[in-house]
Amino acid sequence: QVQLVESGGGLVQAGGSLRLSCAASGRTFSSYSVGWFRQAPGKQRELVAIITSGGGTNVVNSVKGRFTIFRDNAKNTVYLQMNSLKPEDTAVYYCAARAVVSVSWDYWGQGTQVTVSS
């Protein structure tokens, strides 16, 4: 069982930065892929960034060059560094974890609100 807790959200002006954290319980967290998702009001949840157990990363085109995902396995934490924030980045951000053998996201955090003012 893995429990995920997000933190780091808040209100920021356009052009600003935030760093989200996804802290996990469980000694095997390093073996999970972790994704950051976001859901804006009235929109579907979308995958923003993903990091595999091996450290490979990928981000969606809309945040490429602005968002970076990285992990610190010693701290059981995955981060999403968000720079040059835009009002359209406003959403609830969730992290999720997926085991190597899983085809779906097994564990979810409760979400953290990010609001970018213009």
PDB file of N, CA and C in Angstrom:
ATOM      1  N   GLN A   1       0.842  -1.187   0.000  1.00  0.00           N
ATOM      2  CA  GLN A   1       0.000   0.000   0.000  1.00  0.00           C
ATOM      3  C   GLN A   1       0.884   1.246   0.000  1.00  0.00           C
ATOM      4  N   VAL A   2       0.516   2.205  -0.817  1.00  0.00           N
ATOM      5  CA  VAL A   2       1.240   3.467  -0.913  1.00  0.00           C
ATOM      6  C   VAL A   2       0.266   4.599  -0.653  1.00  0.00           C
ATOM      7  N   GLN A   3       0.655   5.518   0.203  1.00  0.00           N
ATOM      8  CA  GLN A   3      -0.141   6.720   0.440  1.00  0.00           C
ATOM      9  C   GLN A   3       0.631   7.923  -0.089  1.00  0.00           C
ATOM     10  N   LEU A   4      -0.075   8.781  -0.805  1.00  0.00           N
ATOM     11  CA  LEU A   4       0.544   9.941  -1.431  1.00  0.00           C
ATOM     12  C   LEU A   4      -0.046  11.220  -0.855  1.00  0.00           C
ATOM     13  N   VAL A   5       0.813  12.176  -0.550  1.00  0.00           N
ATOM     14  CA  VAL A   5       0.365  13.461  -0.019  1.00  0.00           C
ATOM     15  C   VAL A   5       1.049  14.572  -0.812  1.00  0.00           C
ATOM     16  N   GLU A   6       0.221  15.393  -1.478  1.00  0.00           N
ATOM     17  CA  GLU A   6       0.757  16.526  -2.237  1.00  0.00           C
ATOM     18  C   GLU A   6       0.826  17.767  -1.362  1.00  0.00           C
ATOM     19  N   SER A   7       1.758  18.627  -1.695  1.00  0.00           N
ATOM     20  CA  SER A   7       1.864  19.924  -1.028  1.00  0.00           C
ATOM     21  C   SER A   7       2.554  20.887  -1.971  1.00  0.00           C
ATOM     22  N   GLY A   8       2.502  22.173  -1.619  1.00  0.00           N
ATOM     23  CA  GLY A   8       3.213  23.173  -2.389  1.00  0.00           C
ATOM     24  C   GLY A   8       2.353  24.040  -3.275  1.00  0.00           C
ATOM     25  N   GLY A   9       1.065  23.735  -3.349  1.00  0.00           N
ATOM     26  CA  GLY A   9       0.192  24.568  -4.158  1.00  0.00           C
ATOM     27  C   GLY A   9      -0.037  25.930  -3.518  1.00  0.00           C
ATOM     28  N   GLY A  10      -0.687  26.804  -4.274  1.00  0.00           N
ATOM     29  CA  GLY A  10      -0.972  28.129  -3.749  1.00  0.00           C
ATOM     30  C   GLY A  10      -1.354  29.090  -4.847  1.00  0.00           C
ATOM     31  N   LEU A  11      -1.352  30.360  -4.488  1.00  0.00           N
ATOM     32  CA  LEU A  11      -1.697  31.436  -5.418  1.00  0.00           C
ATOM     33  C   LEU A  11      -0.409  32.137  -5.836  1.00  0.00           C
ATOM     34  N   VAL A  12      -0.236  32.296  -7.133  1.00  0.00           N
ATOM     35  CA  VAL A  12       0.970  32.933  -7.653  1.00  0.00           C
ATOM     36  C   VAL A  12       0.589  33.781  -8.856  1.00  0.00           C
ATOM     37  N   GLN A  13       1.340  34.830  -9.088  1.00  0.00           N
ATOM     38  CA  GLN A  13       1.098  35.666 -10.259  1.00  0.00           C
ATOM     39  C   GLN A  13       1.679  35.008 -11.507  1.00  0.00           C
ATOM     40  N   ALA A  14       1.121  35.365 -12.633  1.00  0.00           N
ATOM     41  CA  ALA A  14       1.641  34.861 -13.902  1.00  0.00           C
ATOM     42  C   ALA A  14       3.125  35.180 -14.023  1.00  0.00           C
ATOM     43  N   GLY A  15       3.864  34.203 -14.502  1.00  0.00           N
ATOM     44  CA  GLY A  15       5.313  34.339 -14.599  1.00  0.00           C
ATOM     45  C   GLY A  15       6.054  33.815 -13.392  1.00  0.00           C
ATOM     46  N   GLY A  16       5.329  33.537 -12.327  1.00  0.00           N
ATOM     47  CA  GLY A  16       5.951  33.042 -11.109  1.00  0.00           C
ATOM     48  C   GLY A  16       6.215  31.548 -11.141  1.00  0.00           C
ATOM     49  N   SER A  17       6.690  31.050 -10.006  1.00  0.00           N
ATOM     50  CA  SER A  17       7.070  29.641  -9.899  1.00  0.00           C
ATOM     51  C   SER A  17       6.478  29.009  -8.648  1.00  0.00           C
ATOM     52  N   LEU A  18       6.263  27.719  -8.737  1.00  0.00           N
ATOM     53  CA  LEU A  18       5.879  26.908  -7.587  1.00  0.00           C
ATOM     54  C   LEU A  18       6.564  25.561  -7.712  1.00  0.00           C
ATOM     55  N   ARG A  19       6.813  24.929  -6.587  1.00  0.00           N
ATOM     56  CA  ARG A  19       7.311  23.555  -6.587  1.00  0.00           C
ATOM     57  C   ARG A  19       6.329  22.707  -5.807  1.00  0.00           C
ATOM     58  N   LEU A  20       5.750  21.740  -6.473  1.00  0.00           N
ATOM     59  CA  LEU A  20       4.846  20.794  -5.835  1.00  0.00           C
ATOM     60  C   LEU A  20       5.636  19.587  -5.373  1.00  0.00           C
ATOM     61  N   SER A  21       5.214  19.036  -4.248  1.00  0.00           N
ATOM     62  CA  SER A  21       5.836  17.828  -3.703  1.00  0.00           C
ATOM     63  C   SER A  21       4.789  16.738  -3.580  1.00  0.00           C
ATOM     64  N   CYS A  22       5.211  15.525  -3.836  1.00  0.00           N
ATOM     65  CA  CYS A  22       4.373  14.346  -3.669  1.00  0.00           C
ATOM     66  C   CYS A  22       5.157  13.397  -2.773  1.00  0.00           C
ATOM     67  N   ALA A  23       4.779  13.371  -1.507  1.00  0.00           N
ATOM     68  CA  ALA A  23       5.473  12.538  -0.533  1.00  0.00           C
ATOM     69  C   ALA A  23       4.740  11.216  -0.379  1.00  0.00           C
ATOM     70  N   ALA A  24       5.495  10.137  -0.374  1.00  0.00           N
ATOM     71  CA  ALA A  24       4.894   8.809  -0.356  1.00  0.00           C
ATOM     72  C   ALA A  24       5.336   8.002   0.841  1.00  0.00           C
ATOM     73  N   SER A  25       4.432   7.175   1.309  1.00  0.00           N
ATOM     74  CA  SER A  25       4.788   6.166   2.304  1.00  0.00           C
ATOM     75  C   SER A  25       5.166   4.898   1.561  1.00  0.00           C
ATOM     76  N   GLY A  26       5.801   3.984   2.222  1.00  0.00           N
ATOM     77  CA  GLY A  26       6.113   2.722   1.560  1.00  0.00           C
ATOM     78  C   GLY A  26       7.560   2.634   1.136  1.00  0.00           C
ATOM     79  N   ARG A  27       8.193   1.520   1.458  1.00  0.00           N
ATOM     80  CA  ARG A  27       9.617   1.375   1.185  1.00  0.00           C
ATOM     81  C   ARG A  27       9.918   1.112  -0.277  1.00  0.00           C
ATOM     82  N   THR A  28       8.894   0.750  -1.070  1.00  0.00           N
ATOM     83  CA  THR A  28       9.149   0.400  -2.463  1.00  0.00           C
ATOM     84  C   THR A  28       8.756   1.506  -3.415  1.00  0.00           C
ATOM     85  N   PHE A  29       8.613   2.722  -2.923  1.00  0.00           N
ATOM     86  CA  PHE A  29       8.146   3.818  -3.764  1.00  0.00           C
ATOM     87  C   PHE A  29       9.064   4.038  -4.948  1.00  0.00           C
ATOM     88  N   SER A  30      10.335   3.781  -4.778  1.00  0.00           N
ATOM     89  CA  SER A  30      11.285   4.026  -5.861  1.00  0.00           C
ATOM     90  C   SER A  30      11.020   3.121  -7.065  1.00  0.00           C
ATOM     91  N   SER A  31      10.294   2.050  -6.856  1.00  0.00           N
ATOM     92  CA  SER A  31       9.997   1.139  -7.954  1.00  0.00           C
ATOM     93  C   SER A  31       8.748   1.524  -8.736  1.00  0.00           C
ATOM     94  N   TYR A  32       8.092   2.601  -8.341  1.00  0.00           N
ATOM     95  CA  TYR A  32       6.871   3.062  -8.994  1.00  0.00           C
ATOM     96  C   TYR A  32       7.156   4.189  -9.982  1.00  0.00           C
ATOM     97  N   SER A  33       6.398   4.186 -11.054  1.00  0.00           N
ATOM     98  CA  SER A  33       6.316   5.385 -11.885  1.00  0.00           C
ATOM     99  C   SER A  33       5.353   6.359 -11.193  1.00  0.00           C
ATOM    100  N   VAL A  34       5.629   7.635 -11.336  1.00  0.00           N
ATOM    101  CA  VAL A  34       4.789   8.653 -10.704  1.00  0.00           C
ATOM    102  C   VAL A  34       4.398   9.689 -11.746  1.00  0.00           C
ATOM    103  N   GLY A  35       3.148  10.039 -11.712  1.00  0.00           N
ATOM    104  CA  GLY A  35       2.655  11.050 -12.634  1.00  0.00           C
ATOM    105  C   GLY A  35       2.042  12.216 -11.891  1.00  0.00           C
ATOM    106  N   TRP A  36       2.178  13.375 -12.500  1.00  0.00           N
ATOM    107  CA  TRP A  36       1.449  14.550 -12.027  1.00  0.00           C
ATOM    108  C   TRP A  36       0.320  14.828 -13.021  1.00  0.00           C
ATOM    109  N   PHE A  37      -0.875  14.946 -12.493  1.00  0.00           N
ATOM    110  CA  PHE A  37      -2.057  15.239 -13.273  1.00  0.00           C
ATOM    111  C   PHE A  37      -2.612  16.578 -12.819  1.00  0.00           C
ATOM    112  N   ARG A  38      -3.462  17.153 -13.659  1.00  0.00           N
ATOM    113  CA  ARG A  38      -4.174  18.345 -13.230  1.00  0.00           C
ATOM    114  C   ARG A  38      -5.587  18.330 -13.801  1.00  0.00           C
ATOM    115  N   GLN A  39      -6.459  18.978 -13.071  1.00  0.00           N
ATOM    116  CA  GLN A  39      -7.845  19.094 -13.512  1.00  0.00           C
ATOM    117  C   GLN A  39      -8.338  20.494 -13.235  1.00  0.00           C
ATOM    118  N   ALA A  40      -8.656  21.203 -14.310  1.00  0.00           N
ATOM    119  CA  ALA A  40      -9.220  22.533 -14.205  1.00  0.00           C
ATOM    120  C   ALA A  40     -10.740  22.432 -14.167  1.00  0.00           C
ATOM    121  N   PRO A  41     -11.416  23.434 -13.629  1.00  0.00           N
ATOM    122  CA  PRO A  41     -12.888  23.388 -13.557  1.00  0.00           C
ATOM    123  C   PRO A  41     -13.504  23.167 -14.929  1.00  0.00           C
ATOM    124  N   GLY A  42     -14.399  22.200 -15.012  1.00  0.00           N
ATOM    125  CA  GLY A  42     -15.092  21.929 -16.257  1.00  0.00           C
ATOM    126  C   GLY A  42     -14.279  21.187 -17.290  1.00  0.00           C
ATOM    127  N   LYS A  43     -13.070  20.757 -16.931  1.00  0.00           N
ATOM    128  CA  LYS A  43     -12.219  20.054 -17.879  1.00  0.00           C
ATOM    129  C   LYS A  43     -11.860  18.677 -17.356  1.00  0.00           C
ATOM    130  N   GLN A  44     -11.436  17.826 -18.265  1.00  0.00           N
ATOM    131  CA  GLN A  44     -11.015  16.489 -17.874  1.00  0.00           C
ATOM    132  C   GLN A  44      -9.630  16.527 -17.235  1.00  0.00           C
ATOM    133  N   ARG A  45      -9.383  15.556 -16.399  1.00  0.00           N
ATOM    134  CA  ARG A  45      -8.066  15.431 -15.796  1.00  0.00           C
ATOM    135  C   ARG A  45      -7.062  15.064 -16.883  1.00  0.00           C
ATOM    136  N   GLU A  46      -5.905  15.722 -16.866  1.00  0.00           N
ATOM    137  CA  GLU A  46      -4.890  15.437 -17.866  1.00  0.00           C
ATOM    138  C   GLU A  46      -3.560  15.124 -17.187  1.00  0.00           C
ATOM    139  N   LEU A  47      -2.823  14.239 -17.830  1.00  0.00           N
ATOM    140  CA  LEU A  47      -1.483  13.913 -17.364  1.00  0.00           C
ATOM    141  C   LEU A  47      -0.530  15.011 -17.811  1.00  0.00           C
ATOM    142  N   VAL A  48       0.198  15.584 -16.865  1.00  0.00           N
ATOM    143  CA  VAL A  48       1.095  16.701 -17.152  1.00  0.00           C
ATOM    144  C   VAL A  48       2.546  16.232 -17.277  1.00  0.00           C
ATOM    145  N   ALA A  49       2.950  15.348 -16.382  1.00  0.00           N
ATOM    146  CA  ALA A  49       4.344  14.910 -16.373  1.00  0.00           C
ATOM    147  C   ALA A  49       4.428  13.535 -15.747  1.00  0.00           C
ATOM    148  N   ILE A  50       5.420  12.778 -16.154  1.00  0.00           N
ATOM    149  CA  ILE A  50       5.603  11.442 -15.627  1.00  0.00           C
ATOM    150  C   ILE A  50       7.087  11.167 -15.448  1.00  0.00           C
ATOM    151  N   ILE A  51       7.400  10.401 -14.394  1.00  0.00           N
ATOM    152  CA  ILE A  51       8.766   9.960 -14.174  1.00  0.00           C
ATOM    153  C   ILE A  51       8.718   8.473 -13.851  1.00  0.00           C
ATOM    154  N   THR A  52       9.569   7.711 -14.510  1.00  0.00           N
ATOM    155  CA  THR A  52       9.576   6.269 -14.298  1.00  0.00           C
ATOM    156  C   THR A  52      10.479   5.907 -13.125  1.00  0.00           C
ATOM    157  N   SER A  53      10.442   4.632 -12.759  1.00  0.00           N
ATOM    158  CA  SER A  53      11.310   4.165 -11.682  1.00  0.00           C
ATOM    159  C   SER A  53      12.779   4.320 -12.063  1.00  0.00           C
ATOM    160  N   GLY A  54      13.073   4.277 -13.342  1.00  0.00           N
ATOM    161  CA  GLY A  54      14.449   4.434 -13.801  1.00  0.00           C
ATOM    162  C   GLY A  54      14.880   5.872 -13.984  1.00  0.00           C
ATOM    163  N   GLY A  55      13.952   6.809 -13.775  1.00  0.00           N
ATOM    164  CA  GLY A  55      14.291   8.227 -13.867  1.00  0.00           C
ATOM    165  C   GLY A  55      13.959   8.878 -15.193  1.00  0.00           C
ATOM    166  N   GLY A  56      13.430   8.106 -16.131  1.00  0.00           N
ATOM    167  CA  GLY A  56      13.010   8.697 -17.384  1.00  0.00           C
ATOM    168  C   GLY A  56      11.829   9.625 -17.178  1.00  0.00           C
ATOM    169  N   THR A  57      11.809  10.720 -17.917  1.00  0.00           N
ATOM    170  CA  THR A  57      10.748  11.710 -17.725  1.00  0.00           C
ATOM    171  C   THR A  57      10.103  12.106 -19.041  1.00  0.00           C
ATOM    172  N   ASN A  58       8.902  12.601 -18.922  1.00  0.00           N
ATOM    173  CA  ASN A  58       8.211  13.151 -20.077  1.00  0.00           C
ATOM    174  C   ASN A  58       7.178  14.148 -19.569  1.00  0.00           C
ATOM    175  N   VAL A  59       6.985  15.217 -20.326  1.00  0.00           N
ATOM    176  CA  VAL A  59       5.975  16.205 -19.964  1.00  0.00           C
ATOM    177  C   VAL A  59       5.116  16.499 -21.184  1.00  0.00           C
ATOM    178  N   VAL A  60       3.918  16.960 -20.941  1.00  0.00           N
ATOM    179  CA  VAL A  60       3.009  17.314 -22.023  1.00  0.00           C
ATOM    180  C   VAL A  60       3.516  18.577 -22.718  1.00  0.00           C
ATOM    181  N   ASN A  61       3.205  18.706 -23.996  1.00  0.00           N
ATOM    182  CA  ASN A  61       3.749  19.817 -24.787  1.00  0.00           C
ATOM    183  C   ASN A  61       3.424  21.180 -24.209  1.00  0.00           C
ATOM    184  N   SER A  62       2.246  21.323 -23.622  1.00  0.00           N
ATOM    185  CA  SER A  62       1.821  22.633 -23.132  1.00  0.00           C
ATOM    186  C   SER A  62       2.678  23.156 -21.982  1.00  0.00           C
ATOM    187  N   VAL A  63       3.441  22.285 -21.328  1.00  0.00           N
ATOM    188  CA  VAL A  63       4.288  22.716 -20.207  1.00  0.00           C
ATOM    189  C   VAL A  63       5.761  22.483 -20.478  1.00  0.00           C
ATOM    190  N   LYS A  64       6.077  21.982 -21.654  1.00  0.00           N
ATOM    191  CA  LYS A  64       7.468  21.678 -21.978  1.00  0.00           C
ATOM    192  C   LYS A  64       8.304  22.953 -21.926  1.00  0.00           C
ATOM    193  N   GLY A  65       9.460  22.843 -21.284  1.00  0.00           N
ATOM    194  CA  GLY A  65      10.322  24.010 -21.117  1.00  0.00           C
ATOM    195  C   GLY A  65       9.983  24.841 -19.900  1.00  0.00           C
ATOM    196  N   ARG A  66       8.840  24.564 -19.265  1.00  0.00           N
ATOM    197  CA  ARG A  66       8.435  25.320 -18.074  1.00  0.00           C
ATOM    198  C   ARG A  66       8.347  24.428 -16.832  1.00  0.00           C
ATOM    199  N   PHE A  67       7.894  23.194 -16.998  1.00  0.00           N
ATOM    200  CA  PHE A  67       7.729  22.262 -15.879  1.00  0.00           C
ATOM    201  C   PHE A  67       8.805  21.180 -15.937  1.00  0.00           C
ATOM    202  N   THR A  68       9.283  20.801 -14.781  1.00  0.00           N
ATOM    203  CA  THR A  68      10.256  19.723 -14.668  1.00  0.00           C
ATOM    204  C   THR A  68       9.822  18.773 -13.561  1.00  0.00           C
ATOM    205  N   ILE A  69       9.866  17.491 -13.837  1.00  0.00           N
ATOM    206  CA  ILE A  69       9.546  16.491 -12.824  1.00  0.00           C
ATOM    207  C   ILE A  69      10.840  15.788 -12.429  1.00  0.00           C
ATOM    208  N   PHE A  70      11.016  15.580 -11.146  1.00  0.00           N
ATOM    209  CA  PHE A  70      12.188  14.854 -10.678  1.00  0.00           C
ATOM    210  C   PHE A  70      11.848  14.194  -9.348  1.00  0.00           C
ATOM    211  N   ARG A  71      12.696  13.249  -8.955  1.00  0.00           N
ATOM    212  CA  ARG A  71      12.396  12.507  -7.735  1.00  0.00           C
ATOM    213  C   ARG A  71      13.628  12.391  -6.856  1.00  0.00           C
ATOM    214  N   ASP A  72      13.371  12.289  -5.570  1.00  0.00           N
ATOM    215  CA  ASP A  72      14.408  12.031  -4.578  1.00  0.00           C
ATOM    216  C   ASP A  72      13.985  10.768  -3.848  1.00  0.00           C
ATOM    217  N   ASN A  73      14.514   9.646  -4.264  1.00  0.00           N
ATOM    218  CA  ASN A  73      14.076   8.370  -3.689  1.00  0.00           C
ATOM    219  C   ASN A  73      14.462   8.248  -2.222  1.00  0.00           C
ATOM    220  N   ALA A  74      15.516   8.905  -1.811  1.00  0.00           N
ATOM    221  CA  ALA A  74      15.900   8.856  -0.396  1.00  0.00           C
ATOM    222  C   ALA A  74      14.837   9.505   0.481  1.00  0.00           C
ATOM    223  N   LYS A  75      14.122  10.461  -0.090  1.00  0.00           N
ATOM    224  CA  LYS A  75      13.051  11.145   0.651  1.00  0.00           C
ATOM    225  C   LYS A  75      11.672  10.639   0.264  1.00  0.00           C
ATOM    226  N   ASN A  76      11.620   9.633  -0.614  1.00  0.00           N
ATOM    227  CA  ASN A  76      10.324   9.111  -1.061  1.00  0.00           C
ATOM    228  C   ASN A  76       9.429  10.232  -1.590  1.00  0.00           C
ATOM    229  N   THR A  77      10.000  11.111  -2.361  1.00  0.00           N
ATOM    230  CA  THR A  77       9.270  12.290  -2.823  1.00  0.00           C
ATOM    231  C   THR A  77       9.531  12.544  -4.302  1.00  0.00           C
ATOM    232  N   VAL A  78       8.469  12.905  -4.996  1.00  0.00           N
ATOM    233  CA  VAL A  78       8.556  13.342  -6.381  1.00  0.00           C
ATOM    234  C   VAL A  78       8.117  14.801  -6.434  1.00  0.00           C
ATOM    235  N   TYR A  79       8.824  15.583  -7.219  1.00  0.00           N
ATOM    236  CA  TYR A  79       8.570  17.008  -7.290  1.00  0.00           C
ATOM    237  C   TYR A  79       8.124  17.410  -8.688  1.00  0.00           C
ATOM    238  N   LEU A  80       7.364  18.498  -8.745  1.00  0.00           N
ATOM    239  CA  LEU A  80       7.035  19.129 -10.016  1.00  0.00           C
ATOM    240  C   LEU A  80       7.413  20.600  -9.881  1.00  0.00           C
ATOM    241  N   GLN A  81       8.499  20.969 -10.531  1.00  0.00           N
ATOM    242  CA  GLN A  81       8.937  22.363 -10.543  1.00  0.00           C
ATOM    243  C   GLN A  81       8.227  23.068 -11.683  1.00  0.00           C
ATOM    244  N   MET A  82       7.491  24.107 -11.341  1.00  0.00           N
ATOM    245  CA  MET A  82       6.691  24.822 -12.330  1.00  0.00           C
ATOM    246  C   MET A  82       7.174  26.264 -12.416  1.00  0.00           C
ATOM    247  N   ASN A  83       7.706  26.622 -13.562  1.00  0.00           N
ATOM    248  CA  ASN A  83       8.194  27.972 -13.802  1.00  0.00           C
ATOM    249  C   ASN A  83       7.362  28.646 -14.880  1.00  0.00           C
ATOM    250  N   SER A  84       7.489  29.963 -14.960  1.00  0.00           N
ATOM    251  CA  SER A  84       6.783  30.740 -15.990  1.00  0.00           C
ATOM    252  C   SER A  84       5.309  30.369 -16.033  1.00  0.00           C
ATOM    253  N   LEU A  85       4.696  30.342 -14.882  1.00  0.00           N
ATOM    254  CA  LEU A  85       3.304  29.902 -14.785  1.00  0.00           C
ATOM    255  C   LEU A  85       2.367  30.847 -15.524  1.00  0.00           C
ATOM    256  N   LYS A  86       1.329  30.256 -16.096  1.00  0.00           N
ATOM    257  CA  LYS A  86       0.323  30.981 -16.853  1.00  0.00           C
ATOM    258  C   LYS A  86      -1.041  30.785 -16.209  1.00  0.00           C
ATOM    259  N   PRO A  87      -1.965  31.699 -16.422  1.00  0.00           N
ATOM    260  CA  PRO A  87      -3.308  31.512 -15.854  1.00  0.00           C
ATOM    261  C   PRO A  87      -3.937  30.181 -16.261  1.00  0.00           C
ATOM    262  N   GLU A  88      -3.635  29.703 -17.440  1.00  0.00           N
ATOM    263  CA  GLU A  88      -4.207  28.426 -17.886  1.00  0.00           C
ATOM    264  C   GLU A  88      -3.616  27.214 -17.162  1.00  0.00           C
ATOM    265  N   ASP A  89      -2.606  27.429 -16.341  1.00  0.00           N
ATOM    266  CA  ASP A  89      -2.084  26.350 -15.500  1.00  0.00           C
ATOM    267  C   ASP A  89      -2.912  26.168 -14.228  1.00  0.00           C
ATOM    268  N   THR A  90      -3.854  27.062 -14.010  1.00  0.00           N
ATOM    269  CA  THR A  90      -4.705  26.967 -12.820  1.00  0.00           C
ATOM    270  C   THR A  90      -5.496  25.667 -12.832  1.00  0.00           C
ATOM    271  N   ALA A  91      -5.374  24.905 -11.752  1.00  0.00           N
ATOM    272  CA  ALA A  91      -6.031  23.597 -11.666  1.00  0.00           C
ATOM    273  C   ALA A  91      -5.737  22.996 -10.297  1.00  0.00           C
ATOM    274  N   VAL A  92      -6.417  21.906 -10.011  1.00  0.00           N
ATOM    275  CA  VAL A  92      -6.023  21.053  -8.898  1.00  0.00           C
ATOM    276  C   VAL A  92      -5.025  20.043  -9.454  1.00  0.00           C
ATOM    277  N   TYR A  93      -3.897  19.948  -8.805  1.00  0.00           N
ATOM    278  CA  TYR A  93      -2.828  19.055  -9.245  1.00  0.00           C
ATOM    279  C   TYR A  93      -2.796  17.825  -8.332  1.00  0.00           C
ATOM    280  N   TYR A  94      -2.729  16.670  -8.974  1.00  0.00           N
ATOM    281  CA  TYR A  94      -2.705  15.395  -8.264  1.00  0.00           C
ATOM    282  C   TYR A  94      -1.452  14.618  -8.659  1.00  0.00           C
ATOM    283  N   CYS A  95      -0.905  13.885  -7.720  1.00  0.00           N
ATOM    284  CA  CYS A  95       0.107  12.913  -8.093  1.00  0.00           C
ATOM    285  C   CYS A  95      -0.491  11.516  -7.965  1.00  0.00           C
ATOM    286  N   ALA A  96       0.051  10.624  -8.758  1.00  0.00           N
ATOM    287  CA  ALA A  96      -0.416   9.242  -8.772  1.00  0.00           C
ATOM    288  C   ALA A  96       0.778   8.332  -8.981  1.00  0.00           C
ATOM    289  N   ALA A  97       0.678   7.120  -8.474  1.00  0.00           N
ATOM    290  CA  ALA A  97       1.764   6.150  -8.577  1.00  0.00           C
ATOM    291  C   ALA A  97       1.270   4.883  -9.246  1.00  0.00           C
ATOM    292  N   ARG A  98       2.149   4.296 -10.023  1.00  0.00           N
ATOM    293  CA  ARG A  98       1.800   3.091 -10.767  1.00  0.00           C
ATOM    294  C   ARG A  98       2.948   2.101 -10.677  1.00  0.00           C
ATOM    295  N   ALA A  99       2.604   0.876 -10.305  1.00  0.00           N
ATOM    296  CA  ALA A  99       3.623  -0.182 -10.251  1.00  0.00           C
ATOM    297  C   ALA A  99       4.041  -0.562 -11.668  1.00  0.00           C
ATOM    298  N   VAL A 100       5.205  -1.145 -11.783  1.00  0.00           N
ATOM    299  CA  VAL A 100       5.753  -1.496 -13.097  1.00  0.00           C
ATOM    300  C   VAL A 100       4.813  -2.411 -13.862  1.00  0.00           C
ATOM    301  N   VAL A 101       4.191  -3.347 -13.161  1.00  0.00           N
ATOM    302  CA  VAL A 101       3.341  -4.331 -13.821  1.00  0.00           C
ATOM    303  C   VAL A 101       1.913  -3.872 -13.990  1.00  0.00           C
ATOM    304  N   SER A 102       1.613  -2.676 -13.519  1.00  0.00           N
ATOM    305  CA  SER A 102       0.234  -2.204 -13.551  1.00  0.00           C
ATOM    306  C   SER A 102      -0.055  -1.461 -14.850  1.00  0.00           C
ATOM    307  N   VAL A 103      -1.288  -1.575 -15.325  1.00  0.00           N
ATOM    308  CA  VAL A 103      -1.709  -0.841 -16.518  1.00  0.00           C
ATOM    309  C   VAL A 103      -2.508   0.392 -16.146  1.00  0.00           C
ATOM    310  N   SER A 104      -2.780   0.579 -14.883  1.00  0.00           N
ATOM    311  CA  SER A 104      -3.519   1.750 -14.438  1.00  0.00           C
ATOM    312  C   SER A 104      -2.800   2.401 -13.265  1.00  0.00           C
ATOM    313  N   TRP A 105      -3.220   3.605 -12.929  1.00  0.00           N
ATOM    314  CA  TRP A 105      -2.635   4.311 -11.801  1.00  0.00           C
ATOM    315  C   TRP A 105      -3.260   3.760 -10.525  1.00  0.00           C
ATOM    316  N   ASP A 106      -2.391   3.206  -9.672  1.00  0.00           N
ATOM    317  CA  ASP A 106      -2.871   2.450  -8.518  1.00  0.00           C
ATOM    318  C   ASP A 106      -3.210   3.327  -7.320  1.00  0.00           C
ATOM    319  N   TYR A 107      -2.450   4.394  -7.128  1.00  0.00           N
ATOM    320  CA  TYR A 107      -2.605   5.215  -5.936  1.00  0.00           C
ATOM    321  C   TYR A 107      -2.660   6.688  -6.325  1.00  0.00           C
ATOM    322  N   TRP A 108      -3.496   7.434  -5.611  1.00  0.00           N
ATOM    323  CA  TRP A 108      -3.687   8.861  -5.871  1.00  0.00           C
ATOM    324  C   TRP A 108      -3.569   9.661  -4.585  1.00  0.00           C
ATOM    325  N   GLY A 109      -3.059  10.877  -4.733  1.00  0.00           N
ATOM    326  CA  GLY A 109      -3.090  11.816  -3.631  1.00  0.00           C
ATOM    327  C   GLY A 109      -4.402  12.582  -3.623  1.00  0.00           C
ATOM    328  N   GLN A 110      -4.531  13.472  -2.653  1.00  0.00           N
ATOM    329  CA  GLN A 110      -5.785  14.207  -2.473  1.00  0.00           C
ATOM    330  C   GLN A 110      -5.854  15.461  -3.325  1.00  0.00           C
ATOM    331  N   GLY A 111      -4.733  15.881  -3.871  1.00  0.00           N
ATOM    332  CA  GLY A 111      -4.704  17.053  -4.737  1.00  0.00           C
ATOM    333  C   GLY A 111      -4.289  18.320  -4.003  1.00  0.00           C
ATOM    334  N   THR A 112      -3.714  19.243  -4.751  1.00  0.00           N
ATOM    335  CA  THR A 112      -3.343  20.546  -4.217  1.00  0.00           C
ATOM    336  C   THR A 112      -3.697  21.613  -5.254  1.00  0.00           C
ATOM    337  N   GLN A 113      -4.286  22.699  -4.792  1.00  0.00           N
ATOM    338  CA  GLN A 113      -4.782  23.734  -5.707  1.00  0.00           C
ATOM    339  C   GLN A 113      -3.644  24.669  -6.121  1.00  0.00           C
ATOM    340  N   VAL A 114      -3.562  24.911  -7.406  1.00  0.00           N
ATOM    341  CA  VAL A 114      -2.647  25.901  -7.959  1.00  0.00           C
ATOM    342  C   VAL A 114      -3.483  26.949  -8.681  1.00  0.00           C
ATOM    343  N   THR A 115      -3.332  28.191  -8.294  1.00  0.00           N
ATOM    344  CA  THR A 115      -4.062  29.290  -8.924  1.00  0.00           C
ATOM    345  C   THR A 115      -3.065  30.325  -9.409  1.00  0.00           C
ATOM    346  N   VAL A 116      -3.144  30.624 -10.692  1.00  0.00           N
ATOM    347  CA  VAL A 116      -2.230  31.592 -11.303  1.00  0.00           C
ATOM    348  C   VAL A 116      -3.054  32.805 -11.724  1.00  0.00           C
ATOM    349  N   SER A 117      -2.747  33.939 -11.149  1.00  0.00           N
ATOM    350  CA  SER A 117      -3.486  35.160 -11.468  1.00  0.00           C
ATOM    351  C   SER A 117      -2.784  35.917 -12.593  1.00  0.00           C
ATOM    352  N   SER A 118      -3.600  36.606 -13.388  1.00  0.00           N
ATOM    353  CA  SER A 118      -3.044  37.345 -14.531  1.00  0.00           C
ATOM    354  C   SER A 118      -2.664  38.762 -14.135  1.00  0.00           C
TER     355      SER A 118
END
